[in-house]
Amino acid sequence: MLDYLVATYGKPVVAIIDGIVMGGGAGLSLQRTFRIVTENTVFAMPETAIGHFTDVGSSYFLSRLPGFFGEYLGLTGTKIRGAEMVECGLANHFMLSKDVRLLETALDEVTSSDTKTISEIISKFMHKPNVKQHGAFSRLEIINKCFSRTTVEEILSSLESEAETRAEKWILEAINWMKSACPTSLKISLRSIREGRTQGLEQCLIQEFTVGSHIARRTVSDDFYEGTRAMLLDKDRNPKWDPSKLELVTDEIVDRYFSKADEDYMESLQLPTRSNLVDTMRPKL
């Protein structure tokens, strides 16, 4: 609800991301009119490591990144820095961390909600990002080749084939993540992002709420609780996923997460009528 209210707020919202932005923080900040990052910014969606899935509106903002970069980020938990966020479209402004307080002071003095006025103020503090040529986004051609596949199994197999001819670090890291992540979470996340390509933010949030409700209520599996135990509480980093392998996660299992629950206590997300929703993300390329 909060993600939706902020995204559809009548006045321009400026998100200044000067550090780690993952999961819920990404949902609050990456659907704003102004998304400002710095050299300290680190973004990732690592939910599949704990048996959860890419939610908080990520089926909306990840699906709108160029090519299949959103699927790559959602399925591999990859961390990218502020400069690369601007390059791929997750953010639209880059500034130096040392100037954040100055920008905040300048914005505090604004008496208008005019987008152009705010944009002019922000532009005074902008800095040209130093994009690393070996970053993941520079490998978009390979990412598109692998992550455009229909199933998670096919994506993983394609990555392994690439690794045989080019043992690049980012490919090996993607393979290792996907092999250790929750199999069901990977399949839920892929379906969520793929369907998000044709949905508006409201539809994405409602569907993510349905999936999240099933996960929280354990109506299908205990994976989220097992993942939380293994990765965050006991920290043995040895979760026992059920099902344990990708090939054991059937379409019927995934369908259950996306279906409306029969239980009376699981209601659908009810969002208020809003007229200010603007697609602030770059169009899919």
Protein backbone atom coordinates (compact mmCIF):
# COMPACT_ATOMS: atom_id res chain seq x y z
CA MET A 1 0.00 0.00 0.00
CA LEU A 2 2.77 2.45 0.92
CA ASP A 3 4.68 1.70 -2.30
CA TYR A 4 1.55 2.48 -4.30
CA LEU A 5 0.67 5.65 -2.39
CA VAL A 6 4.16 7.09 -2.79
CA ALA A 7 4.31 6.11 -6.48
CA THR A 8 1.03 7.88 -7.16
CA TYR A 9 1.59 10.88 -4.89
CA GLY A 10 0.37 14.16 -6.34
CA LYS A 11 3.63 16.00 -5.71
CA PRO A 12 7.02 14.97 -7.15
CA VAL A 13 8.94 12.68 -4.81
CA VAL A 14 12.74 12.79 -4.75
CA ALA A 15 14.51 9.61 -3.68
CA ILE A 16 18.15 10.14 -2.70
CA ILE A 17 19.82 6.72 -2.43
CA ASP A 18 23.23 7.09 -0.80
CA GLY A 19 23.96 3.54 0.30
CA ILE A 20 22.45 0.07 0.18
CA VAL A 21 19.01 -0.21 -1.46
CA MET A 22 17.62 -3.73 -1.50
CA GLY A 23 14.21 -5.32 -1.21
CA GLY A 24 11.76 -3.00 0.55
CA GLY A 25 14.01 0.02 0.17
CA ALA A 26 14.03 -0.50 -3.58
CA GLY A 27 10.24 -0.67 -3.64
CA LEU A 28 9.97 2.68 -1.88
CA SER A 29 12.54 4.52 -3.95
CA LEU A 30 12.74 3.14 -7.48
CA GLN A 31 9.30 4.19 -8.67
CA ARG A 32 9.72 7.87 -7.95
CA THR A 33 9.91 10.75 -10.41
CA PHE A 34 13.47 11.51 -9.32
CA ARG A 35 15.75 8.59 -8.47
CA ILE A 36 19.16 9.91 -7.43
CA VAL A 37 22.13 7.64 -6.68
CA THR A 38 25.75 8.19 -5.65
CA GLU A 39 29.06 6.35 -5.75
CA ASN A 40 28.00 4.69 -2.47
CA THR A 41 24.79 3.19 -3.82
CA VAL A 42 24.47 -0.59 -4.02
CA PHE A 43 21.31 -2.20 -5.40
CA ALA A 44 20.20 -5.84 -5.37
CA MET A 45 17.09 -7.99 -5.08
CA PRO A 46 18.39 -11.01 -3.11
CA GLU A 47 15.03 -12.48 -1.99
CA THR A 48 15.43 -15.86 -3.71
CA ALA A 49 18.28 -16.69 -1.32
CA ILE A 50 15.86 -16.84 1.62
CA GLY A 51 12.93 -18.57 -0.08
CA HIS A 52 11.06 -15.38 -0.90
CA PHE A 53 10.59 -13.70 -4.28
CA THR A 54 11.17 -10.35 -5.98
CA ASP A 55 8.23 -8.28 -4.71
CA VAL A 56 7.58 -4.64 -3.59
CA GLY A 57 6.72 -3.66 -7.16
CA SER A 58 9.83 -5.18 -8.72
CA SER A 59 7.75 -7.09 -11.24
CA TYR A 60 6.98 -3.60 -12.53
CA PHE A 61 10.34 -1.85 -12.40
CA LEU A 62 12.55 -4.85 -13.25
CA SER A 63 10.38 -5.82 -16.21
CA ARG A 64 10.87 -2.36 -17.69
CA LEU A 65 14.65 -2.49 -17.87
CA PRO A 66 16.39 -2.94 -21.23
CA GLY A 67 16.23 -6.43 -22.70
CA PHE A 68 16.19 -9.11 -20.04
CA PHE A 69 18.38 -7.29 -17.53
CA GLY A 70 15.51 -7.30 -15.03
CA GLU A 71 15.26 -11.09 -15.12
CA TYR A 72 19.02 -11.26 -14.60
CA LEU A 73 18.92 -9.02 -11.53
CA GLY A 74 15.88 -10.77 -10.06
CA LEU A 75 17.13 -14.33 -10.48
CA THR A 76 20.77 -13.87 -9.49
CA GLY A 77 20.68 -11.37 -6.62
CA THR A 78 23.46 -9.47 -8.40
CA LYS A 79 24.68 -6.24 -6.80
CA ILE A 80 25.15 -3.22 -9.04
CA ARG A 81 26.44 0.23 -8.17
CA GLY A 82 24.92 3.67 -8.67
CA ALA A 83 26.55 4.38 -12.04
CA GLU A 84 25.23 1.13 -13.49
CA MET A 85 21.78 1.87 -12.09
CA VAL A 86 21.70 5.06 -14.14
CA GLU A 87 23.00 3.23 -17.19
CA CYS A 88 20.26 0.59 -17.10
CA GLY A 89 17.47 2.98 -16.10
CA LEU A 90 16.84 2.05 -12.48
CA ALA A 91 17.98 5.55 -11.51
CA ASN A 92 17.91 8.76 -13.51
CA HIS A 93 20.41 11.01 -11.73
CA PHE A 94 23.94 10.53 -10.33
CA MET A 95 25.66 12.80 -7.84
CA LEU A 96 28.58 12.63 -5.42
CA SER A 97 27.83 11.62 -1.85
CA LYS A 98 29.60 14.68 -0.47
CA ASP A 99 26.97 16.91 -2.10
CA VAL A 100 23.88 15.15 -0.73
CA ARG A 101 23.42 17.51 2.20
CA LEU A 102 23.75 20.50 -0.11
CA LEU A 103 21.04 19.11 -2.38
CA GLU A 104 18.77 18.39 0.59
CA THR A 105 19.21 21.98 1.78
CA ALA A 106 18.42 23.32 -1.68
CA LEU A 107 15.29 21.17 -1.93
CA ASP A 108 14.16 22.27 1.54
CA GLU A 109 13.94 25.80 0.22
CA VAL A 110 11.69 24.91 -2.73
CA THR A 111 8.19 26.32 -2.41
CA SER A 112 6.87 24.91 -5.67
CA SER A 113 5.89 21.37 -6.61
CA ASP A 114 6.63 22.08 -10.24
CA THR A 115 8.63 19.18 -11.68
CA LYS A 116 10.70 21.41 -13.94
CA THR A 117 11.73 23.63 -11.03
CA ILE A 118 12.83 20.65 -8.97
CA SER A 119 14.66 19.16 -11.95
CA GLU A 120 16.62 22.39 -12.44
CA ILE A 121 17.75 22.35 -8.81
CA ILE A 122 18.81 18.71 -8.96
CA SER A 123 20.72 19.29 -12.20
CA LYS A 124 23.07 21.70 -10.40
CA PHE A 125 24.41 18.83 -8.32
CA MET A 126 24.65 16.17 -10.98
CA HIS A 127 27.93 14.43 -11.74
CA LYS A 128 28.97 12.26 -14.68
CA PRO A 129 29.03 8.64 -13.45
CA ASN A 130 32.08 6.51 -14.05
CA VAL A 131 30.60 3.38 -15.61
CA LYS A 132 32.87 0.35 -15.43
CA GLN A 133 33.20 -1.32 -18.79
CA HIS A 134 33.29 -4.77 -17.21
CA GLY A 135 30.00 -4.29 -15.36
CA ALA A 136 27.12 -6.70 -15.89
CA PHE A 137 25.13 -4.25 -18.01
CA SER A 138 27.98 -4.13 -20.52
CA ARG A 139 27.29 -7.83 -21.10
CA LEU A 140 23.65 -7.27 -22.02
CA GLU A 141 23.99 -9.23 -25.26
CA ILE A 142 24.90 -12.39 -23.35
CA ILE A 143 22.34 -11.66 -20.63
CA ASN A 144 19.62 -11.34 -23.26
CA LYS A 145 20.72 -14.58 -24.88
CA CYS A 146 20.50 -16.51 -21.60
CA PHE A 147 17.70 -14.81 -19.67
CA SER A 148 15.28 -14.64 -22.59
CA ARG A 149 14.78 -18.40 -22.25
CA THR A 150 11.33 -19.62 -21.29
CA THR A 151 12.13 -21.50 -18.07
CA VAL A 152 14.57 -21.17 -15.18
CA GLU A 153 16.08 -24.52 -16.15
CA GLU A 154 16.75 -23.26 -19.67
CA ILE A 155 18.26 -20.03 -18.34
CA LEU A 156 20.62 -21.92 -16.04
CA SER A 157 21.58 -24.36 -18.80
CA SER A 158 22.30 -21.45 -21.16
CA LEU A 159 24.53 -19.79 -18.55
CA GLU A 160 26.43 -23.04 -18.04
CA SER A 161 26.97 -23.31 -21.79
CA GLU A 162 28.36 -19.77 -21.83
CA ALA A 163 30.66 -20.62 -18.92
CA GLU A 164 32.23 -23.41 -20.97
CA THR A 165 33.50 -20.93 -23.54
CA ARG A 166 33.93 -17.82 -21.39
CA ALA A 167 34.58 -18.31 -17.69
CA GLU A 168 33.71 -14.73 -16.81
CA LYS A 169 33.23 -13.97 -13.13
CA TRP A 170 29.70 -12.60 -13.45
CA ILE A 171 28.52 -15.73 -15.28
CA LEU A 172 29.98 -18.05 -12.65
CA GLU A 173 28.48 -15.96 -9.86
CA ALA A 174 25.06 -16.08 -11.54
CA ILE A 175 25.25 -19.86 -11.85
CA ASN A 176 26.33 -20.34 -8.24
CA TRP A 177 23.55 -18.08 -6.96
CA MET A 178 20.85 -19.84 -8.94
CA LYS A 179 22.05 -23.27 -7.85
CA SER A 180 21.91 -22.31 -4.17
CA ALA A 181 18.74 -20.18 -4.25
CA CYS A 182 15.29 -21.57 -3.51
CA PRO A 183 14.09 -23.39 -6.68
CA THR A 184 10.46 -22.40 -6.15
CA SER A 185 11.41 -18.77 -5.51
CA LEU A 186 13.32 -18.64 -8.78
CA LYS A 187 10.32 -19.89 -10.74
CA ILE A 188 7.91 -17.55 -8.95
CA SER A 189 10.21 -14.57 -9.57
CA LEU A 190 10.64 -15.34 -13.26
CA ARG A 191 6.90 -15.63 -13.79
CA SER A 192 6.23 -12.48 -11.79
CA ILE A 193 8.70 -10.38 -13.79
CA ARG A 194 7.56 -11.81 -17.12
CA GLU A 195 3.90 -11.09 -16.38
CA GLY A 196 4.84 -7.65 -15.09
CA ARG A 197 5.88 -6.67 -18.61
CA THR A 198 2.23 -6.37 -19.59
CA GLN A 199 0.84 -5.12 -16.27
CA GLY A 200 0.55 -1.70 -14.68
CA LEU A 201 1.95 -0.98 -11.22
CA GLU A 202 -1.42 -1.58 -9.57
CA GLN A 203 -1.76 -5.03 -11.15
CA CYS A 204 1.82 -5.89 -10.26
CA LEU A 205 1.40 -4.97 -6.60
CA ILE A 206 -1.90 -6.84 -6.28
CA GLN A 207 -0.41 -9.98 -7.80
CA GLU A 208 2.74 -9.74 -5.68
CA PHE A 209 0.55 -9.35 -2.59
CA THR A 210 -1.26 -12.58 -3.49
CA VAL A 211 2.00 -14.48 -3.91
CA GLY A 212 3.42 -12.99 -0.72
CA SER A 213 0.31 -13.96 1.22
CA HIS A 214 0.70 -17.59 0.17
CA ILE A 215 4.35 -17.50 1.22
CA ALA A 216 3.62 -15.91 4.61
CA ARG A 217 0.69 -18.25 5.29
CA ARG A 218 2.66 -21.36 4.24
CA THR A 219 -0.25 -22.49 2.09
CA VAL A 220 2.13 -24.18 -0.36
CA SER A 221 5.56 -24.49 1.26
CA ASP A 222 7.69 -23.59 4.29
CA ASP A 223 10.61 -22.45 2.13
CA PHE A 224 10.56 -18.83 3.29
CA TYR A 225 10.75 -19.81 6.94
CA GLU A 226 13.44 -22.37 6.22
CA GLY A 227 15.43 -19.87 4.19
CA THR A 228 15.15 -17.23 6.90
CA ARG A 229 16.30 -19.76 9.48
CA ALA A 230 19.31 -20.91 7.47
CA MET A 231 20.48 -17.55 6.13
CA LEU A 232 19.50 -15.02 8.82
CA LEU A 233 18.88 -16.78 12.15
CA ASP A 234 20.97 -19.94 12.59
CA LYS A 235 23.20 -18.81 9.71
CA ASP A 236 24.27 -22.33 8.80
CA ARG A 237 23.67 -21.31 5.17
CA ASN A 238 22.30 -24.76 4.43
CA PRO A 239 18.57 -24.42 3.75
CA LYS A 240 16.56 -27.54 2.97
CA TRP A 241 14.32 -26.43 0.14
CA ASP A 242 11.12 -28.32 -0.63
CA PRO A 243 11.04 -29.12 -3.51
CA SER A 244 14.83 -29.34 -3.52
CA LYS A 245 15.45 -29.13 -7.29
CA LEU A 246 14.19 -26.97 -10.12
CA GLU A 247 12.86 -29.93 -12.07
CA LEU A 248 10.67 -30.89 -9.10
CA VAL A 249 8.93 -27.49 -9.02
CA THR A 250 5.97 -28.10 -11.31
CA ASP A 251 3.80 -25.52 -13.04
CA GLU A 252 0.98 -26.61 -10.74
CA ILE A 253 3.02 -25.65 -7.67
CA VAL A 254 3.84 -22.22 -9.10
CA ASP A 255 0.22 -21.70 -10.16
CA ARG A 256 -0.91 -22.14 -6.57
CA TYR A 257 1.10 -19.09 -5.49
CA PHE A 258 -0.57 -16.91 -8.11
CA SER A 259 -4.11 -18.13 -7.45
CA LYS A 260 -6.62 -16.43 -5.19
CA ALA A 261 -6.70 -18.29 -1.90
CA ASP A 262 -9.90 -19.90 -0.72
CA GLU A 263 -9.27 -19.03 2.92
CA ASP A 264 -11.42 -16.18 4.24
CA TYR A 265 -8.47 -14.62 6.07
CA MET A 266 -6.50 -14.14 2.82
CA GLU A 267 -8.03 -11.12 1.14
CA SER A 268 -6.82 -9.48 -2.04
CA LEU A 269 -4.93 -6.20 -1.84
CA GLN A 270 -7.36 -3.29 -2.12
CA LEU A 271 -5.70 -0.19 -3.55
CA PRO A 272 -7.35 3.24 -3.59
CA THR A 273 -8.29 4.96 -6.82
CA ARG A 274 -5.46 7.27 -7.85
CA SER A 275 -5.06 9.52 -10.89
CA ASN A 276 -1.39 10.47 -10.61
CA LEU A 277 0.34 7.26 -11.69
CA VAL A 278 3.06 8.04 -14.22
CA ASP A 279 5.40 5.44 -15.71
CA THR A 280 8.73 6.84 -14.56
CA MET A 281 10.72 3.84 -15.75
CA ARG A 282 12.50 3.74 -19.06
CA PRO A 283 10.62 1.80 -21.75
CA LYS A 284 11.68 -1.76 -22.49
CA LEU A 285 14.29 -2.03 -25.22
